[in-house]
Amino acid sequence: MSNITWDSNNYSKHFSFVADYGSALIDMIDRKNYRMSCLDLGCGSGKLTAELRQDGFDVIGMDDSESQIQKAKEDYKGIKFFKGDACDFTVDEPVDVVFSNAVFHWINKERQPDMLRCVCRALKPGGQFVFEMGGKGNNALIHGSLRRAFERRGLEYRFPFYFPTIGEYTSLMEKAGFLVRTALLFDRKTKLDGADGLYDWIKMFVKAPFQEIDAAESEQIIRESVEELRPKLCEDGVWYADYVRLRCKAEKEVMNH
């Protein structure tokens, strides 16, 4: 994840749907009758972190992108933001809630247990873990089309994401010390911005497979896929992405000896 460079202004301007959909996720947190502490893990440009504060949480934000953290600090004064690795972090004091939106699918499958252990350590006993990520089948049409375009050229499509099933991910969570309360896998057709919505989306979110390919060939591959997907993902001039989301709510198990 750390080798991807984010254009934080472009991200906030044209891909605000990422944070917009995260607002509903905040409602999944069980409120207590005191001011709850919260870590927004993979906070990006800080939009949801600010919403959490507005909702009454004592919140801090962490992300491993320097540009996103800088933007968050500029836009949302008074909230503590810090740079950190989701798979290797600690907090000064355990928190009531760890919240995360659209982050965990960027983390390699092999590193997921480390990340979940870090989250568990960061929570108070009985603390809540509420998150959403890409799930099994997420953007399958888009990645399938890109893979075919790569293979036609004898190139390998290095799939950069981890999109698990409910069973796969909840068992990892249980091994890390969580009691899973809710797990949903659902389709969410997502409207993209502008006449070049899909092209822009691929340029923003699918960087890793193109790193070894020159700009001209990359452009050709993306344009090819966009045209192949037009009948499936473009309706009346509006582009959509075929999202599938995994949404979970869990708590850190309290050990009763």
Protein backbone atom coordinates (compact mmCIF):
# COMPACT_ATOMS: atom_id res chain seq x y z
CA MET A 1 0.00 0.00 0.00
CA SER A 2 2.79 2.42 0.85
CA ASN A 3 4.19 2.41 -2.70
CA ILE A 4 1.01 4.06 -4.03
CA THR A 5 1.15 7.86 -4.21
CA TRP A 6 -2.17 9.60 -3.60
CA ASP A 7 -3.24 12.85 -5.26
CA SER A 8 -5.15 14.00 -2.18
CA ASN A 9 -6.86 17.00 -3.84
CA ASN A 10 -8.08 14.97 -6.83
CA TYR A 11 -9.20 12.20 -4.47
CA SER A 12 -11.28 14.58 -2.34
CA LYS A 13 -12.75 16.42 -5.33
CA HIS A 14 -13.71 13.56 -7.68
CA PHE A 15 -13.97 10.50 -5.44
CA SER A 16 -15.90 11.93 -2.49
CA PHE A 17 -18.32 9.00 -2.73
CA VAL A 18 -15.76 6.96 -0.75
CA ALA A 19 -16.34 9.13 2.32
CA ASP A 20 -20.01 9.77 1.54
CA TYR A 21 -20.83 6.08 1.78
CA GLY A 22 -18.83 5.90 5.00
CA SER A 23 -21.31 8.18 6.78
CA ALA A 24 -23.82 5.31 7.08
CA LEU A 25 -21.08 3.21 8.66
CA ILE A 26 -20.76 5.68 11.54
CA ASP A 27 -24.39 4.90 12.45
CA MET A 28 -23.39 1.29 13.19
CA ILE A 29 -21.40 2.36 16.25
CA ASP A 30 -23.25 1.71 19.53
CA ARG A 31 -23.25 4.98 21.48
CA LYS A 32 -22.57 5.06 25.20
CA ASN A 33 -23.60 7.74 27.69
CA TYR A 34 -20.09 9.20 27.83
CA ARG A 35 -17.70 10.81 25.33
CA MET A 36 -16.21 7.86 23.47
CA SER A 37 -12.66 7.72 22.13
CA CYS A 38 -12.22 6.61 18.52
CA LEU A 39 -9.40 5.86 16.08
CA ASP A 40 -10.21 6.43 12.39
CA LEU A 41 -7.82 3.90 10.83
CA GLY A 42 -6.81 4.84 7.29
CA CYS A 43 -8.49 8.23 7.66
CA GLY A 44 -7.42 9.56 4.24
CA SER A 45 -8.19 13.25 3.89
CA GLY A 46 -10.03 13.32 7.22
CA LYS A 47 -13.62 13.88 6.08
CA LEU A 48 -15.08 11.02 8.12
CA THR A 49 -12.76 11.78 11.05
CA ALA A 50 -14.34 15.24 11.18
CA GLU A 51 -17.82 13.69 11.00
CA LEU A 52 -16.95 11.44 13.92
CA ARG A 53 -15.87 14.46 15.96
CA GLN A 54 -19.07 16.29 15.00
CA ASP A 55 -21.01 13.25 16.24
CA GLY A 56 -19.39 13.63 19.66
CA PHE A 57 -16.43 11.25 19.48
CA ASP A 58 -13.01 12.12 20.86
CA VAL A 59 -11.30 11.07 17.63
CA ILE A 60 -7.79 10.73 16.19
CA GLY A 61 -6.96 9.87 12.57
CA MET A 62 -4.16 7.71 11.19
CA ASP A 63 -3.09 7.08 7.59
CA ASP A 64 0.10 5.91 5.89
CA SER A 65 -0.13 8.55 3.13
CA GLU A 66 1.84 11.70 3.94
CA SER A 67 -0.13 13.78 1.41
CA GLN A 68 -3.49 12.68 2.82
CA ILE A 69 -2.40 13.41 6.40
CA GLN A 70 -1.14 16.88 5.40
CA LYS A 71 -4.46 17.65 3.70
CA ALA A 72 -6.39 16.41 6.74
CA LYS A 73 -4.32 18.63 9.06
CA GLU A 74 -4.93 21.67 6.82
CA ASP A 75 -8.67 21.06 6.44
CA TYR A 76 -9.56 19.95 9.96
CA LYS A 77 -7.68 21.92 12.57
CA GLY A 78 -8.05 20.68 16.12
CA ILE A 79 -8.09 16.97 15.28
CA LYS A 80 -4.93 14.95 15.87
CA PHE A 81 -3.79 13.20 12.67
CA PHE A 82 -0.67 11.07 12.44
CA LYS A 83 1.14 8.96 9.87
CA GLY A 84 1.30 5.26 10.64
CA ASP A 85 1.24 1.72 9.28
CA ALA A 86 -2.07 -0.09 9.91
CA CYS A 87 -0.16 -3.36 10.41
CA ASP A 88 2.31 -1.97 12.94
CA PHE A 89 0.94 0.79 15.16
CA THR A 90 0.18 1.57 18.78
CA VAL A 91 -1.99 4.20 20.44
CA ASP A 92 -1.13 6.13 23.61
CA GLU A 93 -4.33 4.96 25.33
CA PRO A 94 -6.70 2.16 24.27
CA VAL A 95 -9.85 3.49 22.56
CA ASP A 96 -13.56 2.64 22.70
CA VAL A 97 -13.91 2.34 18.91
CA VAL A 98 -11.71 1.58 15.92
CA PHE A 99 -13.45 2.75 12.75
CA SER A 100 -12.27 2.18 9.18
CA ASN A 101 -13.78 2.80 5.75
CA ALA A 102 -12.49 1.50 2.40
CA VAL A 103 -8.98 0.72 3.64
CA PHE A 104 -8.37 -2.93 4.47
CA HIS A 105 -8.59 -4.25 0.89
CA TRP A 106 -5.39 -2.29 0.14
CA ILE A 107 -3.47 -4.37 2.69
CA ASN A 108 -1.84 -7.61 1.53
CA LYS A 109 -3.60 -10.79 2.59
CA GLU A 110 -0.45 -11.95 4.43
CA ARG A 111 -0.44 -8.79 6.59
CA GLN A 112 -4.12 -8.89 7.57
CA PRO A 113 -3.54 -10.92 10.80
CA ASP A 114 -0.92 -8.37 11.95
CA MET A 115 -3.32 -5.52 11.22
CA LEU A 116 -6.19 -7.19 13.09
CA ARG A 117 -3.93 -7.87 16.09
CA CYS A 118 -2.90 -4.18 16.13
CA VAL A 119 -6.56 -3.14 16.06
CA CYS A 120 -7.38 -5.53 18.90
CA ARG A 121 -4.49 -4.15 21.00
CA ALA A 122 -5.67 -0.58 20.36
CA LEU A 123 -9.15 -1.29 21.78
CA LYS A 124 -10.34 -1.35 25.36
CA PRO A 125 -11.84 -4.70 26.44
CA GLY A 126 -15.32 -4.82 24.91
CA GLY A 127 -14.36 -2.01 22.50
CA GLN A 128 -16.04 -1.81 19.11
CA PHE A 129 -14.49 -2.46 15.70
CA VAL A 130 -16.64 -1.12 12.84
CA PHE A 131 -15.41 -1.18 9.25
CA GLU A 132 -16.20 -1.58 5.59
CA MET A 133 -13.91 -2.87 2.84
CA GLY A 134 -14.08 -4.41 -0.61
CA GLY A 135 -15.54 -7.92 -0.47
CA LYS A 136 -15.53 -11.00 -2.70
CA GLY A 137 -16.40 -9.99 -6.28
CA ASN A 138 -15.66 -6.28 -5.80
CA ASN A 139 -15.14 -4.57 -9.19
CA ALA A 140 -14.97 -8.01 -10.84
CA LEU A 141 -16.10 -6.65 -14.23
CA ILE A 142 -13.44 -3.92 -14.21
CA HIS A 143 -10.57 -6.14 -13.07
CA GLY A 144 -11.64 -8.93 -15.42
CA SER A 145 -11.53 -6.58 -18.40
CA LEU A 146 -8.13 -5.16 -17.42
CA ARG A 147 -6.74 -8.67 -16.88
CA ARG A 148 -7.84 -9.71 -20.38
CA ALA A 149 -6.24 -6.59 -21.90
CA PHE A 150 -2.97 -7.41 -20.11
CA GLU A 151 -3.05 -11.06 -21.15
CA ARG A 152 -3.68 -10.19 -24.81
CA ARG A 153 -0.29 -8.44 -24.66
CA GLY A 154 1.42 -11.30 -22.85
CA LEU A 155 1.56 -9.25 -19.65
CA GLU A 156 0.75 -10.36 -16.11
CA TYR A 157 -2.04 -8.49 -14.33
CA ARG A 158 -0.75 -8.15 -10.77
CA PHE A 159 -3.96 -7.95 -8.77
CA PRO A 160 -3.26 -5.43 -6.00
CA PHE A 161 -6.26 -5.96 -3.71
CA TYR A 162 -7.64 -8.36 -1.12
CA PHE A 163 -11.40 -8.93 -1.39
CA PRO A 164 -12.38 -11.69 1.07
CA THR A 165 -15.59 -13.62 1.71
CA ILE A 166 -17.48 -13.22 4.99
CA GLY A 167 -16.30 -16.64 6.17
CA GLU A 168 -12.66 -15.99 5.37
CA TYR A 169 -12.49 -12.59 7.03
CA THR A 170 -14.58 -13.26 10.12
CA SER A 171 -12.44 -16.31 10.94
CA LEU A 172 -9.33 -14.07 10.78
CA MET A 173 -11.10 -11.63 13.11
CA GLU A 174 -11.97 -14.37 15.59
CA LYS A 175 -8.37 -15.60 15.63
CA ALA A 176 -7.24 -12.04 16.43
CA GLY A 177 -9.52 -11.84 19.48
CA PHE A 178 -12.79 -10.40 18.15
CA LEU A 179 -16.38 -11.47 18.68
CA VAL A 180 -18.12 -10.74 15.35
CA ARG A 181 -21.62 -9.32 15.81
CA THR A 182 -22.56 -8.37 12.24
CA ALA A 183 -21.11 -9.22 8.82
CA LEU A 184 -22.73 -8.21 5.53
CA LEU A 185 -21.60 -8.77 1.93
CA PHE A 186 -23.63 -6.66 -0.48
CA ASP A 187 -23.58 -5.19 -3.99
CA ARG A 188 -23.39 -1.40 -4.24
CA LYS A 189 -23.50 -0.05 -7.76
CA THR A 190 -21.62 3.22 -7.41
CA LYS A 191 -22.07 6.25 -9.64
CA LEU A 192 -18.82 7.74 -10.94
CA ASP A 193 -18.15 11.39 -11.66
CA GLY A 194 -18.14 12.80 -15.21
CA ALA A 195 -18.12 11.54 -18.80
CA ASP A 196 -14.73 9.86 -18.22
CA GLY A 197 -15.80 8.43 -14.86
CA LEU A 198 -14.49 4.91 -15.38
CA TYR A 199 -11.25 6.05 -17.02
CA ASP A 200 -10.60 8.41 -14.08
CA TRP A 201 -11.49 5.70 -11.57
CA ILE A 202 -8.98 3.24 -13.08
CA LYS A 203 -6.26 5.92 -13.13
CA MET A 204 -6.90 6.72 -9.45
CA PHE A 205 -7.40 3.27 -7.95
CA VAL A 206 -5.63 0.69 -10.16
CA LYS A 207 -2.01 1.83 -10.09
CA ALA A 208 0.04 -1.23 -9.10
CA PRO A 209 -0.47 -3.37 -12.25
CA PHE A 210 0.69 -0.48 -14.47
CA GLN A 211 3.94 0.30 -12.63
CA GLU A 212 6.17 -1.67 -15.01
CA ILE A 213 4.37 -0.55 -18.20
CA ASP A 214 5.09 2.59 -20.20
CA ALA A 215 2.53 5.41 -20.32
CA ALA A 216 1.44 4.85 -23.94
CA GLU A 217 0.67 1.17 -23.43
CA SER A 218 -1.07 1.87 -20.12
CA GLU A 219 -3.27 4.43 -21.84
CA GLN A 220 -4.13 1.96 -24.60
CA ILE A 221 -5.06 -0.77 -22.10
CA ILE A 222 -7.29 1.54 -20.05
CA ARG A 223 -9.07 2.92 -23.14
CA GLU A 224 -9.61 -0.64 -24.42
CA SER A 225 -11.17 -1.73 -21.12
CA VAL A 226 -13.36 1.36 -20.92
CA GLU A 227 -14.83 0.58 -24.35
CA GLU A 228 -15.31 -3.10 -23.49
CA LEU A 229 -17.14 -2.14 -20.29
CA ARG A 230 -19.26 0.66 -21.76
CA PRO A 231 -22.30 -1.60 -22.48
CA LYS A 232 -22.19 -3.02 -18.94
CA LEU A 233 -21.23 -0.08 -16.75
CA CYS A 234 -22.41 3.04 -18.61
CA GLU A 235 -26.11 3.96 -18.51
CA ASP A 236 -27.36 7.09 -20.32
CA GLY A 237 -23.85 8.55 -20.32
CA VAL A 238 -23.35 7.90 -16.59
CA TRP A 239 -20.61 5.52 -15.47
CA TYR A 240 -20.95 3.12 -12.55
CA ALA A 241 -18.48 0.86 -10.73
CA ASP A 242 -19.53 -2.66 -9.73
CA TYR A 243 -18.75 -2.45 -6.03
CA VAL A 244 -19.26 -5.30 -3.55
CA ARG A 245 -18.71 -4.33 0.07
CA LEU A 246 -17.97 -6.28 3.21
CA ARG A 247 -19.26 -4.48 6.30
CA CYS A 248 -18.55 -5.77 9.81
CA LYS A 249 -19.16 -4.89 13.40
CA ALA A 250 -17.25 -6.71 16.14
CA GLU A 251 -16.04 -6.24 19.68
CA LYS A 252 -12.84 -7.08 21.45
CA GLU A 253 -13.57 -10.17 23.49
CA VAL A 254 -13.45 -9.77 27.24
CA MET A 255 -11.61 -12.72 28.71
CA ASN A 256 -13.49 -14.25 31.64
CA HIS A 257 -11.18 -16.49 33.62
